[in-house]
């Protein structure tokens, strides 16, 4: 089959890594795979084995550059005539539903990557996009959520329940693996001592990720563990980053927090941590950070959002969102457990290898898309 994926960009990020991995897997199985993107920039570096994926840049130069990119997208649909158009994230799903030519037999798939998004925390266009996606959901032939929480949220928003299925994210455990030396090198690059206790957060700087609670917990934790250091991997709007840096300064954390920015090879960052944290307040489906960190053997303290509890199980800590005091307490419990259980690193990796392999995600997606095409 020919599959046309549609996503905002292939810049570094969880959804982008999932799409790249899925595209590569389908191409290896002999399918024709195209990835249409609005933006190019700091793209995920495609490996030689991913060269079969055709990436088509639609040439969007900014938010209000609309007509040209959408015209090129519709033309791409007509010239390539894919069997499946698979759009990921709300803006792309809505546009794919609106632009799919009526004379095209392609089956339309929505990819749902989040749950419980508080759209009112963003600008009016974001809120409109989420409403439009829900209104157009019945045009989709299939809706794939990456988490049970995402499916439940989609149905609550009015998506047709009989078309919403769950295929959990897959983790590339060949890439996300323990690498002690790589972790030590990354610590040296950040100026952090080998014997420091490092708590890391891998997340874009965005209100849903709630770095404010992360910093509030860090201020409490340093009173108990003076050797603790904190790392924020990811970037975002300059104004929001400045706001967070000012908060860290006011909490007395200026010399304890590393703002690492975006890192393409994020496995080295996980391996530099003792504990990974997902402090999100809302909006998560299947948080890739949890699976990736655990695949590297690094246990996680996360807030109870999306499918975090199901992924972590009994091998980490899950606390209520927006509670810095409870996040700090979770770090302390996991710190003590790490000191007492030398096998915890192996156990967290094995749980991801067993339950969330990339091969399973790719095979399940291939099967359901083939059945969808056959039913047309």
Protein backbone atom coordinates (compact mmCIF):
# COMPACT_ATOMS: atom_id res chain seq x y z
CA UNK A 1 0.00 0.00 0.00
CA UNK A 2 0.99 3.64 -0.36
CA UNK A 3 0.74 5.70 2.83
CA UNK A 4 0.90 9.49 2.93
CA UNK A 5 1.71 10.72 6.41
CA UNK A 6 1.00 14.36 7.22
CA UNK A 7 2.59 16.13 10.20
CA UNK A 8 3.64 19.66 11.02
CA UNK A 9 7.36 18.88 10.86
CA UNK A 10 9.97 16.22 11.55
CA UNK A 11 11.67 18.37 14.14
CA UNK A 12 12.95 16.64 17.25
CA UNK A 13 10.02 15.48 19.40
CA UNK A 14 8.11 12.45 20.62
CA UNK A 15 5.44 12.33 17.91
CA UNK A 16 8.07 12.95 15.27
CA UNK A 17 10.25 10.08 16.49
CA UNK A 18 7.22 7.80 16.52
CA UNK A 19 6.30 8.77 12.95
CA UNK A 20 9.86 8.27 11.72
CA UNK A 21 10.06 4.86 13.35
CA UNK A 22 6.67 3.79 11.98
CA UNK A 23 7.49 5.05 8.49
CA UNK A 24 10.78 3.19 8.46
CA UNK A 25 9.08 0.00 9.61
CA UNK A 26 6.41 0.20 6.92
CA UNK A 27 9.01 0.98 4.22
CA UNK A 28 11.06 -2.06 5.31
CA UNK A 29 7.95 -4.17 4.79
CA UNK A 30 7.71 -3.01 1.19
CA UNK A 31 5.13 -0.23 1.47
CA UNK A 32 5.50 3.11 -0.31
CA UNK A 33 5.79 5.77 2.39
CA UNK A 34 5.62 9.54 1.98
CA UNK A 35 5.86 12.09 4.79
CA UNK A 36 4.43 15.53 3.98
CA UNK A 37 5.62 18.28 6.34
CA UNK A 38 4.79 21.95 6.62
CA UNK A 39 8.13 22.97 8.05
CA UNK A 40 11.76 21.89 7.75
CA UNK A 41 14.48 22.83 10.20
CA UNK A 42 16.00 20.85 13.04
CA UNK A 43 14.70 17.61 11.59
CA UNK A 44 15.29 14.16 12.98
CA UNK A 45 18.30 12.78 11.18
CA UNK A 46 17.14 9.93 8.96
CA UNK A 47 19.39 6.89 9.00
CA UNK A 48 20.44 5.14 5.77
CA UNK A 49 17.79 2.49 6.38
CA UNK A 50 15.15 5.24 6.43
CA UNK A 51 16.13 6.58 3.01
CA UNK A 52 13.14 4.80 1.44
CA UNK A 53 10.90 7.36 3.14
CA UNK A 54 10.11 10.23 0.81
CA UNK A 55 9.89 13.51 2.72
CA UNK A 56 7.96 16.22 0.88
CA UNK A 57 8.34 19.77 2.21
CA UNK A 58 5.20 21.84 1.67
CA UNK A 59 7.17 25.05 2.16
CA UNK A 60 5.18 26.79 4.89
CA UNK A 61 7.06 29.91 5.98
CA UNK A 62 4.90 30.90 8.94
CA UNK A 63 1.50 30.62 10.63
CA UNK A 64 -0.30 32.81 8.12
CA UNK A 65 1.35 31.31 5.03
CA UNK A 66 -1.64 29.16 4.12
CA UNK A 67 -2.72 29.11 0.48
CA UNK A 68 0.49 27.87 -1.13
CA UNK A 69 1.24 25.02 1.30
CA UNK A 70 -2.36 23.77 1.29
CA UNK A 71 -2.50 23.89 -2.50
CA UNK A 72 0.69 21.84 -2.64
CA UNK A 73 -0.72 19.34 -0.14
CA UNK A 74 -3.91 18.82 -2.14
CA UNK A 75 -1.88 18.47 -5.34
CA UNK A 76 0.32 15.90 -3.61
CA UNK A 77 -2.77 13.88 -2.67
CA UNK A 78 -3.97 13.91 -6.27
CA UNK A 79 -0.65 13.09 -7.92
CA UNK A 80 0.43 10.39 -5.47
CA UNK A 81 -3.06 8.88 -5.01
CA UNK A 82 -2.20 7.13 -1.72
CA UNK A 83 -4.22 4.28 -0.30
CA UNK A 84 -4.08 5.89 3.15
CA UNK A 85 -3.75 9.50 4.29
CA UNK A 86 -2.59 9.37 7.90
CA UNK A 87 -2.56 12.79 9.60
CA UNK A 88 -1.14 13.35 13.07
CA UNK A 89 -2.06 16.09 15.57
CA UNK A 90 -5.14 18.35 15.47
CA UNK A 91 -4.19 20.94 12.86
CA UNK A 92 -3.11 18.29 10.38
CA UNK A 93 -6.08 15.98 11.00
CA UNK A 94 -8.54 18.82 10.44
CA UNK A 95 -6.79 19.99 7.27
CA UNK A 96 -6.57 16.47 5.86
CA UNK A 97 -10.30 16.00 6.42
CA UNK A 98 -11.07 19.28 4.65
CA UNK A 99 -8.65 18.83 1.75
CA UNK A 100 -9.04 15.15 0.86
CA UNK A 101 -10.45 15.23 -2.70
CA UNK A 102 -13.84 13.56 -3.01
CA UNK A 103 -12.74 11.66 -6.11
CA UNK A 104 -9.81 10.16 -4.22
CA UNK A 105 -10.37 6.68 -2.81
CA UNK A 106 -7.76 7.15 -0.07
CA UNK A 107 -8.82 6.14 3.42
CA UNK A 108 -8.38 8.88 6.03
CA UNK A 109 -6.79 8.15 9.40
CA UNK A 110 -6.58 10.57 12.33
CA UNK A 111 -3.65 10.13 14.71
CA UNK A 112 -4.52 11.16 18.30
CA UNK A 113 -1.47 11.82 20.49
CA UNK A 114 -2.86 13.60 23.55
CA UNK A 115 -5.66 13.59 26.11
CA UNK A 116 -7.33 16.23 28.22
CA UNK A 117 -5.68 19.21 26.53
CA UNK A 118 -6.63 22.48 28.22
CA UNK A 119 -6.98 24.40 24.97
CA UNK A 120 -7.91 27.58 26.83
CA UNK A 121 -4.29 27.76 28.02
CA UNK A 122 -3.25 28.59 24.47
CA UNK A 123 -4.28 31.09 21.83
CA UNK A 124 -7.63 31.16 20.04
CA UNK A 125 -6.32 29.31 16.98
CA UNK A 126 -5.32 26.28 19.07
CA UNK A 127 -8.73 26.15 20.75
CA UNK A 128 -10.43 26.47 17.35
CA UNK A 129 -8.29 23.67 15.94
CA UNK A 130 -9.30 21.23 18.67
CA UNK A 131 -12.98 22.04 18.16
CA UNK A 132 -12.65 21.71 14.39
CA UNK A 133 -10.91 18.34 14.72
CA UNK A 134 -13.81 17.00 16.77
CA UNK A 135 -16.37 18.34 14.30
CA UNK A 136 -14.57 16.67 11.38
CA UNK A 137 -13.82 13.38 13.14
CA UNK A 138 -16.68 11.57 11.40
CA UNK A 139 -14.94 12.12 8.08
CA UNK A 140 -12.14 9.85 9.28
CA UNK A 141 -12.36 6.18 8.35
CA UNK A 142 -10.20 5.26 11.34
CA UNK A 143 -8.87 7.07 14.41
CA UNK A 144 -5.73 5.72 16.07
CA UNK A 145 -5.03 6.86 19.62
CA UNK A 146 -1.67 6.07 21.19
CA UNK A 147 -3.15 5.56 24.66
CA UNK A 148 -6.32 4.43 26.41
CA UNK A 149 -6.54 7.92 27.90
CA UNK A 150 -6.45 9.38 24.40
CA UNK A 151 -9.29 7.13 23.22
CA UNK A 152 -11.47 8.03 26.19
CA UNK A 153 -10.79 11.73 25.70
CA UNK A 154 -11.53 11.56 21.95
CA UNK A 155 -14.88 9.86 22.58
CA UNK A 156 -15.76 12.46 25.21
CA UNK A 157 -15.06 15.15 22.59
CA UNK A 158 -17.54 13.58 20.18
CA UNK A 159 -15.37 11.27 18.08
CA UNK A 160 -17.25 8.17 16.83
CA UNK A 161 -16.37 5.45 19.36
CA UNK A 162 -16.60 2.61 16.85
CA UNK A 163 -13.74 4.07 14.80
CA UNK A 164 -11.31 4.82 17.64
CA UNK A 165 -8.69 2.15 18.33
CA UNK A 166 -5.60 2.16 20.54
CA UNK A 167 -2.12 1.29 19.34
CA UNK A 168 0.38 2.15 22.05
CA UNK A 169 3.59 3.89 21.11
CA UNK A 170 6.62 1.74 20.42
CA UNK A 171 10.05 2.34 21.89
CA UNK A 172 13.18 1.67 19.86
CA UNK A 173 15.07 -0.23 22.53
CA UNK A 174 18.13 -0.57 20.29
CA UNK A 175 18.54 3.21 20.41
CA UNK A 176 17.08 3.78 23.87
CA UNK A 177 19.37 1.56 25.91
CA UNK A 178 21.70 1.78 28.90
CA UNK A 179 24.92 3.64 28.10
CA UNK A 180 26.84 4.59 31.22
CA UNK A 181 29.77 6.15 29.37
CA UNK A 182 27.47 8.23 27.17
CA UNK A 183 25.73 9.44 30.31
CA UNK A 184 29.00 10.42 31.95
CA UNK A 185 30.06 12.34 28.83
CA UNK A 186 26.79 14.23 28.83
CA UNK A 187 27.20 15.10 32.52
CA UNK A 188 30.67 16.48 31.82
CA UNK A 189 29.26 18.57 28.98
CA UNK A 190 26.74 20.02 31.44
CA UNK A 191 29.38 20.59 34.12
CA UNK A 192 27.79 18.11 36.54
CA UNK A 193 29.89 15.87 38.77
CA UNK A 194 29.68 12.10 38.42
CA UNK A 195 28.55 11.71 42.03
CA UNK A 196 25.72 14.28 41.88
CA UNK A 197 22.12 13.10 42.03
CA UNK A 198 20.63 14.23 38.72
CA UNK A 199 16.90 14.60 38.17
CA UNK A 200 16.02 15.30 34.55
CA UNK A 201 12.98 16.48 32.64
CA UNK A 202 12.79 15.90 28.87
CA UNK A 203 9.95 18.05 27.56
CA UNK A 204 9.36 21.07 25.39
CA UNK A 205 8.91 24.29 27.34
CA UNK A 206 5.13 24.48 27.26
CA UNK A 207 2.46 25.10 29.93
CA UNK A 208 1.17 21.51 29.67
CA UNK A 209 4.56 20.17 30.79
CA UNK A 210 4.37 22.28 33.99
CA UNK A 211 8.04 23.09 34.48
CA UNK A 212 6.90 25.48 37.22
CA UNK A 213 5.91 22.53 39.40
CA UNK A 214 9.19 20.81 38.51
CA UNK A 215 11.12 23.85 39.74
CA UNK A 216 8.96 24.14 42.85
CA UNK A 217 9.69 20.51 43.69
CA UNK A 218 13.40 21.08 42.99
CA UNK A 219 13.52 23.92 45.51
CA UNK A 220 12.07 21.63 48.16
CA UNK A 221 14.29 18.70 47.25
CA UNK A 222 17.57 20.62 47.48
CA UNK A 223 16.82 21.29 51.14
CA UNK A 224 16.91 17.50 51.67
CA UNK A 225 19.59 16.57 49.14
CA UNK A 226 22.05 19.45 48.63
CA UNK A 227 24.00 17.52 45.98
CA UNK A 228 20.96 17.28 43.68
CA UNK A 229 21.14 18.87 40.25
CA UNK A 230 18.30 19.34 37.77
CA UNK A 231 18.33 19.26 33.97
CA UNK A 232 15.64 20.51 31.58
CA UNK A 233 16.04 19.10 28.06
CA UNK A 234 13.85 20.82 25.48
CA UNK A 235 13.08 24.29 24.24
CA UNK A 236 10.12 26.53 23.58
CA UNK A 237 9.06 30.13 23.14
CA UNK A 238 11.77 32.56 24.24
CA UNK A 239 9.40 34.52 26.49
CA UNK A 240 8.22 31.40 28.29
CA UNK A 241 11.77 30.14 28.72
CA UNK A 242 12.77 33.50 30.23
CA UNK A 243 9.81 33.26 32.61
CA UNK A 244 10.94 29.82 33.79
CA UNK A 245 14.56 30.90 34.17
CA UNK A 246 13.41 33.85 36.27
CA UNK A 247 11.38 31.48 38.44
CA UNK A 248 14.42 29.24 38.94
CA UNK A 249 16.44 32.31 39.94
CA UNK A 250 13.81 33.39 42.47
CA UNK A 251 13.78 29.89 43.99
CA UNK A 252 17.54 29.91 44.48
CA UNK A 253 18.10 27.30 41.78
CA UNK A 254 20.12 29.30 39.26
CA UNK A 255 23.29 27.26 39.85
CA UNK A 256 21.45 23.96 40.21
CA UNK A 257 19.39 23.86 37.00
CA UNK A 258 20.83 23.19 33.54
CA UNK A 259 18.74 24.45 30.63
CA UNK A 260 20.05 22.01 28.05
CA UNK A 261 17.86 22.97 25.08
CA UNK A 262 17.03 20.44 22.38
CA UNK A 263 19.21 17.34 22.09
CA UNK A 264 18.89 15.17 19.00
CA UNK A 265 20.40 12.05 20.60
CA UNK A 266 18.27 12.11 23.70
CA UNK A 267 19.33 8.64 24.91
CA UNK A 268 22.56 10.15 26.22
CA UNK A 269 20.53 12.61 28.29
CA UNK A 270 18.44 9.86 29.89
CA UNK A 271 21.63 7.97 30.72
CA UNK A 272 22.98 11.06 32.47
CA UNK A 273 20.02 11.09 34.86
CA UNK A 274 19.49 9.15 38.06
CA UNK A 275 15.76 9.86 37.91
CA UNK A 276 13.63 11.10 35.01
CA UNK A 277 10.55 13.19 35.71
CA UNK A 278 7.43 13.94 33.72
CA UNK A 279 5.69 16.80 35.61
CA UNK A 280 2.91 17.40 33.07
CA UNK A 281 -0.30 19.06 34.25
CA UNK A 282 -2.50 17.83 31.40
CA UNK A 283 -2.56 16.78 27.75
CA UNK A 284 -0.55 13.55 27.73
CA UNK A 285 -1.55 10.37 25.93
CA UNK A 286 1.33 7.91 25.86
CA UNK A 287 4.27 9.94 27.22
CA UNK A 288 7.26 8.83 25.15
CA UNK A 289 9.60 10.21 27.79
CA UNK A 290 8.53 7.53 30.26
CA UNK A 291 9.05 4.63 27.87
CA UNK A 292 12.32 5.98 26.48
CA UNK A 293 13.81 6.66 29.90
CA UNK A 294 12.80 3.25 31.24
CA UNK A 295 14.26 1.58 28.14
CA UNK A 296 17.55 3.24 29.10
CA UNK A 297 17.21 1.72 32.57
CA UNK A 298 16.37 5.02 34.25
CA UNK A 299 13.28 4.93 36.51
CA UNK A 300 10.64 7.64 36.40
CA UNK A 301 8.58 9.82 38.68
CA UNK A 302 5.57 11.10 36.72
CA UNK A 303 2.33 12.87 37.31
CA UNK A 304 -0.86 10.87 36.88
CA UNK A 305 -1.65 11.99 33.33
CA UNK A 306 -2.47 9.97 30.22
CA UNK A 307 -1.30 6.37 30.46
CA UNK A 308 1.64 7.17 32.75
CA UNK A 309 0.45 4.90 35.54
CA UNK A 310 -0.03 1.92 33.22
CA UNK A 311 3.44 2.30 31.69
CA UNK A 312 5.32 2.78 34.96
CA UNK A 313 3.45 0.16 36.96
CA UNK A 314 5.20 -0.63 40.23
CA UNK A 315 8.64 0.35 38.96
CA UNK A 316 8.54 4.08 39.70
CA UNK A 317 6.37 6.73 41.28
CA UNK A 318 3.14 8.35 40.06
CA UNK A 319 1.83 11.45 41.84
CA UNK A 320 -1.05 13.90 41.28
CA UNK A 321 -0.33 16.76 38.85
CA UNK A 322 0.29 20.36 39.96
CA UNK A 323 1.59 19.24 43.38
CA UNK A 324 5.29 20.14 43.75
CA UNK A 325 5.29 18.84 47.32
CA UNK A 326 4.14 15.38 46.22
CA UNK A 327 6.52 15.38 43.25
CA UNK A 328 9.37 16.07 45.67
CA UNK A 329 8.19 13.24 47.94
CA UNK A 330 8.09 10.90 44.94
CA UNK A 331 11.71 11.74 44.13
CA UNK A 332 12.74 10.95 47.67
CA UNK A 333 10.95 7.60 47.70
CA UNK A 334 12.54 6.61 44.39
CA UNK A 335 15.96 7.82 45.57
CA UNK A 336 15.73 5.53 48.57
CA UNK A 337 14.52 2.64 46.45
CA UNK A 338 17.45 3.04 44.06
CA UNK A 339 19.84 2.89 47.00
CA UNK A 340 18.25 -0.36 48.19
CA UNK A 341 17.50 -2.18 44.91
CA UNK A 342 20.40 -2.67 42.52
CA UNK A 343 18.13 -4.54 40.10
CA UNK A 344 15.69 -1.70 39.51
CA UNK A 345 17.53 -0.43 36.42
CA UNK A 346 17.29 -3.85 34.74
CA UNK A 347 13.65 -4.28 35.71
CA UNK A 348 12.48 -0.98 34.22
CA UNK A 349 14.20 -1.72 30.92
CA UNK A 350 12.80 -5.25 30.73
CA UNK A 351 9.26 -3.97 31.28
CA UNK A 352 9.50 -1.71 28.21
CA UNK A 353 11.15 -4.35 26.03
CA UNK A 354 8.38 -6.79 26.93
CA UNK A 355 5.36 -4.50 26.56
CA UNK A 356 6.15 -1.59 24.26
CA UNK A 357 8.44 -2.73 21.48
CA UNK A 358 8.69 -0.79 18.24
CA UNK A 359 8.15 -4.01 16.29
CA UNK A 360 4.75 -4.56 17.93
CA UNK A 361 3.61 -0.99 17.23
CA UNK A 362 4.69 -1.23 13.57
CA UNK A 363 3.09 -4.65 13.02
CA UNK A 364 -0.21 -3.64 14.61
CA UNK A 365 -0.36 -0.44 12.56
CA UNK A 366 0.46 -2.28 9.33
CA UNK A 367 -2.23 -4.86 10.00
CA UNK A 368 -4.98 -2.37 10.76
CA UNK A 369 -4.12 -0.16 7.76
CA UNK A 370 -4.07 -3.13 5.40
CA UNK A 371 -7.47 -4.22 6.67
CA UNK A 372 -8.78 -0.68 6.26
CA UNK A 373 -7.58 -0.52 2.65
CA UNK A 374 -9.03 -3.96 1.89
CA UNK A 375 -12.43 -2.86 3.19
CA UNK A 376 -12.71 0.05 0.77
